[in-house]
Amino acid sequence: QVQLVESGGGLVQAGDSLRLSCAASGRTFSRDVMGWFRQAPGKEREFVAAFSGASYTTYYADSVKGRFTISRDNAQNTVYLQMNSLKSEDTAVYYCAGKVAVIARKGTTADYWGQGTQVTVSS
């Protein structure tokens, strides 16, 4: 059974940093695209960042470019999201995703999802 387990969410102030982690088990994602999506209250889930294990290409939503960095450790089957200069509009539940489909350099959907971790940024 494939599982993606996120950790690292929490309550921070605007301008602070957080690092999210996602540990995968049940299959290896070393050649797949892994990524992060988020969903704010009352809004649809949106793409945040992705990392191709095959090409080592990274993809970012315009809203986080320059502030967030996605990385991965294939040996640990883990993907990370370093979030700096957090803003109140970054408040959302963040979901780890495995086998992300990327179209026009943007993640659209995924085959596997974590349960989500809450990130709350107070202004």
Protein backbone atom coordinates (compact mmCIF):
# COMPACT_ATOMS: atom_id res chain seq x y z
CA GLN A 1 0.00 0.00 0.00
CA VAL A 2 1.43 3.35 -1.05
CA GLN A 3 1.52 6.03 1.62
CA LEU A 4 2.67 9.62 1.56
CA VAL A 5 3.04 11.16 5.02
CA GLU A 6 3.59 14.89 5.39
CA SER A 7 5.08 16.64 8.39
CA GLY A 8 6.40 20.06 9.34
CA GLY A 9 3.31 22.22 9.16
CA GLY A 10 2.41 24.70 11.86
CA LEU A 11 1.57 28.24 12.86
CA VAL A 12 4.12 30.92 12.00
CA GLN A 13 4.23 34.67 11.51
CA ALA A 14 4.54 36.45 8.20
CA GLY A 15 8.16 36.49 7.06
CA ASP A 16 9.03 33.27 8.85
CA SER A 17 10.14 29.99 7.30
CA LEU A 18 8.90 26.41 7.44
CA ARG A 19 10.14 23.15 5.97
CA LEU A 20 7.66 20.49 4.99
CA SER A 21 8.66 16.88 4.56
CA CYS A 22 6.90 14.02 2.80
CA ALA A 23 7.99 10.45 3.35
CA ALA A 24 6.80 7.90 0.81
CA SER A 25 6.43 4.18 1.40
CA GLY A 26 5.05 1.25 -0.52
CA ARG A 27 6.75 2.12 -3.81
CA THR A 28 9.72 4.12 -5.02
CA PHE A 29 9.17 7.44 -6.71
CA SER A 30 12.78 7.96 -7.76
CA ARG A 31 11.94 8.33 -11.48
CA ASP A 32 8.60 10.06 -11.01
CA VAL A 33 7.55 13.65 -10.50
CA MET A 34 6.78 14.38 -6.88
CA GLY A 35 5.31 17.62 -5.74
CA TRP A 36 3.23 19.77 -3.47
CA PHE A 37 -0.25 21.22 -3.83
CA ARG A 38 -2.22 23.35 -1.38
CA GLN A 39 -5.81 24.18 -0.64
CA ALA A 40 -6.93 27.27 1.21
CA PRO A 41 -10.37 27.50 2.85
CA GLY A 42 -13.07 28.07 0.25
CA LYS A 43 -10.66 27.66 -2.64
CA GLU A 44 -9.73 24.90 -5.04
CA ARG A 45 -6.57 22.90 -4.61
CA GLU A 46 -3.68 24.53 -6.47
CA PHE A 47 -0.24 23.50 -7.63
CA VAL A 48 2.74 24.72 -5.61
CA ALA A 49 5.91 22.94 -6.76
CA ALA A 50 7.17 19.73 -8.33
CA PHE A 51 10.45 17.91 -8.92
CA SER A 52 11.07 15.39 -11.67
CA GLY A 53 13.15 12.44 -10.52
CA ALA A 54 13.97 11.56 -14.13
CA SER A 55 15.23 14.93 -15.35
CA TYR A 56 15.84 16.73 -12.05
CA THR A 57 13.71 19.57 -13.37
CA THR A 58 11.82 21.69 -10.87
CA TYR A 59 8.54 23.50 -11.43
CA TYR A 60 6.97 26.26 -9.35
CA ALA A 61 3.77 28.22 -9.24
CA ASP A 62 4.36 31.91 -9.93
CA SER A 63 3.03 32.79 -6.49
CA VAL A 64 5.85 30.93 -4.71
CA LYS A 65 8.74 31.30 -7.15
CA GLY A 66 11.78 32.74 -5.41
CA ARG A 67 10.39 31.98 -1.94
CA PHE A 68 9.83 28.21 -1.95
CA THR A 69 12.32 25.48 -2.85
CA ILE A 70 11.47 21.87 -3.54
CA SER A 71 14.06 19.16 -3.07
CA ARG A 72 14.13 15.41 -2.77
CA ASP A 73 16.19 12.59 -1.36
CA ASN A 74 15.63 9.52 -3.51
CA ALA A 75 17.55 7.30 -1.13
CA GLN A 76 15.04 8.20 1.58
CA ASN A 77 12.08 8.34 -0.83
CA THR A 78 11.37 11.78 0.62
CA VAL A 79 10.51 15.17 -0.84
CA TYR A 80 10.82 18.50 0.93
CA LEU A 81 9.39 21.98 0.56
CA GLN A 82 11.40 24.82 2.07
CA MET A 83 9.14 27.83 2.45
CA ASN A 84 10.71 31.21 3.15
CA SER A 85 9.26 34.69 3.47
CA LEU A 86 5.86 33.24 4.22
CA LYS A 87 2.81 35.40 3.63
CA SER A 88 -0.70 35.19 5.02
CA GLU A 89 -1.91 34.09 1.60
CA ASP A 90 0.25 30.97 1.93
CA THR A 91 -2.11 29.72 4.63
CA ALA A 92 -3.52 26.40 3.44
CA VAL A 93 -3.45 22.65 3.83
CA TYR A 94 -0.40 21.42 1.96
CA TYR A 95 -0.59 18.05 0.21
CA CYS A 96 2.29 15.90 -0.95
CA ALA A 97 1.72 14.27 -4.31
CA GLY A 98 3.35 11.36 -6.10
CA LYS A 99 3.43 10.78 -9.89
CA VAL A 100 2.42 14.33 -10.65
CA ALA A 101 1.28 15.07 -14.20
CA VAL A 102 3.00 18.22 -15.47
CA ILE A 103 1.56 20.26 -18.33
CA ALA A 104 3.10 23.56 -19.44
CA ARG A 105 5.48 23.41 -16.47
CA LYS A 106 2.60 23.19 -14.00
CA GLY A 107 1.40 20.23 -11.98
CA THR A 108 -2.18 19.32 -12.77
CA THR A 109 -3.00 16.16 -10.85
CA ALA A 110 -1.33 13.15 -9.28
CA ASP A 111 -1.83 9.45 -8.75
CA TYR A 112 -0.97 9.47 -5.05
CA TRP A 113 -1.79 11.94 -2.29
CA GLY A 114 -0.85 12.48 1.31
CA GLN A 115 -3.34 13.40 4.01
CA GLY A 116 -2.19 17.02 4.19
CA THR A 117 -0.51 19.24 6.75
CA GLN A 118 -1.82 22.62 7.89
CA VAL A 119 0.28 25.73 7.40
CA THR A 120 -1.06 28.88 9.00
CA VAL A 121 0.69 32.23 8.53
CA SER A 122 -0.42 35.07 10.77
CA SER A 123 0.08 38.63 9.63
